[in-house]
Amino acid sequence: MKFQLLFFFLLLTCMYLSLAQGSYGNCCLGVAAGMKKNVKRNVESYRMQETDGDCNRRAVVFLMKKRPEHPKQRTICADPYQPWVQALMRDVARRMAN
């Protein structure tokens, strides 16, 4: 009986650890230092990543235009306090408004 109980708690612990690791799947862990001009033209939209329970870094996540050779939409993370990032955010917002 004690062995079964120990095995059950071990199994629960492993499941908990695997779920805890998956919570950072959509978080930016690093940011880009810069972006080339031709890459900036391919930015489709952006979203803000705030520091909350899942993510520990504030960042701007730029969503790139989808391309046939990339089935998933590419993202680039950037520091929202950098002047080039703020300028790109304004440019993308202007493009989205038109």
C-alpha atoms as a PDB file:
ATOM      1  CA  MET A   1       0.000   0.000   0.000  1.00  0.00           C
ATOM      2  CA  LYS A   2       2.810   2.425   0.877  1.00  0.00           C
ATOM      3  CA  PHE A   3       4.543   1.706  -2.427  1.00  0.00           C
ATOM      4  CA  GLN A   4       1.353   2.487  -4.391  1.00  0.00           C
ATOM      5  CA  LEU A   5       0.877   5.748  -2.513  1.00  0.00           C
ATOM      6  CA  LEU A   6       4.501   6.745  -3.102  1.00  0.00           C
ATOM      7  CA  PHE A   7       4.185   5.900  -6.808  1.00  0.00           C
ATOM      8  CA  PHE A   8       0.986   7.971  -7.055  1.00  0.00           C
ATOM      9  CA  PHE A   9       2.658  11.047  -5.482  1.00  0.00           C
ATOM     10  CA  LEU A  10       5.674  10.619  -7.734  1.00  0.00           C
ATOM     11  CA  LEU A  11       3.398  10.510 -10.771  1.00  0.00           C
ATOM     12  CA  LEU A  12       1.547  13.656  -9.654  1.00  0.00           C
ATOM     13  CA  THR A  13       4.837  15.465  -9.097  1.00  0.00           C
ATOM     14  CA  CYS A  14       6.057  14.619 -12.593  1.00  0.00           C
ATOM     15  CA  MET A  15       2.789  15.817 -14.124  1.00  0.00           C
ATOM     16  CA  TYR A  16       2.952  19.073 -12.164  1.00  0.00           C
ATOM     17  CA  LEU A  17       6.513  19.773 -13.311  1.00  0.00           C
ATOM     18  CA  SER A  18       5.671  19.093 -16.951  1.00  0.00           C
ATOM     19  CA  LEU A  19       2.700  21.477 -16.801  1.00  0.00           C
ATOM     20  CA  ALA A  20       4.774  24.171 -15.096  1.00  0.00           C
ATOM     21  CA  GLN A  21       7.369  24.060 -17.892  1.00  0.00           C
ATOM     22  CA  GLY A  22       4.691  24.525 -20.552  1.00  0.00           C
ATOM     23  CA  SER A  23       3.448  27.827 -19.139  1.00  0.00           C
ATOM     24  CA  TYR A  24       6.260  29.834 -20.800  1.00  0.00           C
ATOM     25  CA  GLY A  25       5.386  28.709 -24.328  1.00  0.00           C
ATOM     26  CA  ASN A  26       4.177  32.115 -25.547  1.00  0.00           C
ATOM     27  CA  CYS A  27       6.613  34.335 -23.649  1.00  0.00           C
ATOM     28  CA  CYS A  28       9.547  36.291 -25.015  1.00  0.00           C
ATOM     29  CA  LEU A  29      12.668  35.252 -23.170  1.00  0.00           C
ATOM     30  CA  GLY A  30      14.943  37.550 -25.164  1.00  0.00           C
ATOM     31  CA  VAL A  31      14.618  40.646 -27.338  1.00  0.00           C
ATOM     32  CA  ALA A  32      16.075  41.689 -30.682  1.00  0.00           C
ATOM     33  CA  ALA A  33      18.734  44.396 -30.663  1.00  0.00           C
ATOM     34  CA  GLY A  34      17.553  45.758 -33.997  1.00  0.00           C
ATOM     35  CA  MET A  35      15.744  44.956 -37.212  1.00  0.00           C
ATOM     36  CA  LYS A  36      16.704  45.486 -40.851  1.00  0.00           C
ATOM     37  CA  LYS A  37      14.600  47.826 -42.957  1.00  0.00           C
ATOM     38  CA  ASN A  38      13.301  45.090 -45.281  1.00  0.00           C
ATOM     39  CA  VAL A  39      12.247  42.999 -42.249  1.00  0.00           C
ATOM     40  CA  LYS A  40      10.398  45.992 -40.763  1.00  0.00           C
ATOM     41  CA  ARG A  41       8.274  46.158 -43.929  1.00  0.00           C
ATOM     42  CA  ASN A  42       7.076  42.597 -43.302  1.00  0.00           C
ATOM     43  CA  VAL A  43       5.652  43.388 -39.857  1.00  0.00           C
ATOM     44  CA  GLU A  44       1.903  42.826 -40.037  1.00  0.00           C
ATOM     45  CA  SER A  45       0.863  43.718 -36.486  1.00  0.00           C
ATOM     46  CA  TYR A  46       2.096  43.659 -32.926  1.00  0.00           C
ATOM     47  CA  ARG A  47       0.943  42.870 -29.414  1.00  0.00           C
ATOM     48  CA  MET A  48       2.237  43.777 -25.992  1.00  0.00           C
ATOM     49  CA  GLN A  49       3.544  41.141 -23.629  1.00  0.00           C
ATOM     50  CA  GLU A  50       3.058  42.310 -20.066  1.00  0.00           C
ATOM     51  CA  THR A  51       4.666  40.936 -16.950  1.00  0.00           C
ATOM     52  CA  ASP A  52       2.050  38.730 -15.388  1.00  0.00           C
ATOM     53  CA  GLY A  53       1.825  35.259 -13.911  1.00  0.00           C
ATOM     54  CA  ASP A  54       3.253  33.549 -17.010  1.00  0.00           C
ATOM     55  CA  CYS A  55       5.757  36.011 -18.469  1.00  0.00           C
ATOM     56  CA  ASN A  56       8.417  37.890 -16.556  1.00  0.00           C
ATOM     57  CA  ARG A  57       9.567  40.321 -19.241  1.00  0.00           C
ATOM     58  CA  ARG A  58       7.709  43.239 -20.808  1.00  0.00           C
ATOM     59  CA  ALA A  59       8.102  43.123 -24.579  1.00  0.00           C
ATOM     60  CA  VAL A  60       6.555  44.032 -27.910  1.00  0.00           C
ATOM     61  CA  VAL A  61       5.847  40.965 -30.036  1.00  0.00           C
ATOM     62  CA  PHE A  62       5.887  41.840 -33.731  1.00  0.00           C
ATOM     63  CA  LEU A  63       3.882  39.443 -35.927  1.00  0.00           C
ATOM     64  CA  MET A  64       5.356  38.992 -39.383  1.00  0.00           C
ATOM     65  CA  LYS A  65       3.430  38.443 -42.620  1.00  0.00           C
ATOM     66  CA  LYS A  66       2.733  34.785 -43.295  1.00  0.00           C
ATOM     67  CA  ARG A  67       4.759  33.194 -46.057  1.00  0.00           C
ATOM     68  CA  PRO A  68       4.019  29.931 -47.884  1.00  0.00           C
ATOM     69  CA  GLU A  69       7.332  28.398 -46.822  1.00  0.00           C
ATOM     70  CA  HIS A  70       6.606  29.129 -43.122  1.00  0.00           C
ATOM     71  CA  PRO A  71       3.406  27.431 -41.943  1.00  0.00           C
ATOM     72  CA  LYS A  72       3.525  29.228 -38.579  1.00  0.00           C
ATOM     73  CA  GLN A  73       3.497  32.997 -38.246  1.00  0.00           C
ATOM     74  CA  ARG A  74       6.939  34.265 -37.247  1.00  0.00           C
ATOM     75  CA  THR A  75       7.313  36.596 -34.290  1.00  0.00           C
ATOM     76  CA  ILE A  76      10.091  38.927 -33.221  1.00  0.00           C
ATOM     77  CA  CYS A  77      10.328  40.215 -29.658  1.00  0.00           C
ATOM     78  CA  ALA A  78      11.647  43.682 -28.906  1.00  0.00           C
ATOM     79  CA  ASP A  79      12.192  46.005 -25.945  1.00  0.00           C
ATOM     80  CA  PRO A  80       9.262  48.471 -25.807  1.00  0.00           C
ATOM     81  CA  TYR A  81      11.501  51.217 -24.379  1.00  0.00           C
ATOM     82  CA  GLN A  82      13.825  51.340 -27.413  1.00  0.00           C
ATOM     83  CA  PRO A  83      13.204  54.303 -29.765  1.00  0.00           C
ATOM     84  CA  TRP A  84      13.312  52.133 -32.932  1.00  0.00           C
ATOM     85  CA  VAL A  85      10.639  49.857 -31.452  1.00  0.00           C
ATOM     86  CA  GLN A  86       8.350  52.782 -30.603  1.00  0.00           C
ATOM     87  CA  ALA A  87       8.798  54.199 -34.118  1.00  0.00           C
ATOM     88  CA  LEU A  88       7.979  50.816 -35.680  1.00  0.00           C
ATOM     89  CA  MET A  89       4.893  50.478 -33.468  1.00  0.00           C
ATOM     90  CA  ARG A  90       3.656  53.888 -34.704  1.00  0.00           C
ATOM     91  CA  ASP A  91       4.358  52.904 -38.316  1.00  0.00           C
ATOM     92  CA  VAL A  92       2.530  49.579 -37.989  1.00  0.00           C
ATOM     93  CA  ALA A  93      -0.437  51.259 -36.252  1.00  0.00           C
ATOM     94  CA  ARG A  94      -0.608  53.787 -39.098  1.00  0.00           C
ATOM     95  CA  ARG A  95      -0.567  50.962 -41.687  1.00  0.00           C
ATOM     96  CA  MET A  96      -3.281  49.051 -39.809  1.00  0.00           C
ATOM     97  CA  ALA A  97      -5.503  52.164 -39.673  1.00  0.00           C
ATOM     98  CA  ASN A  98      -5.408  52.612 -43.480  1.00  0.00           C
END
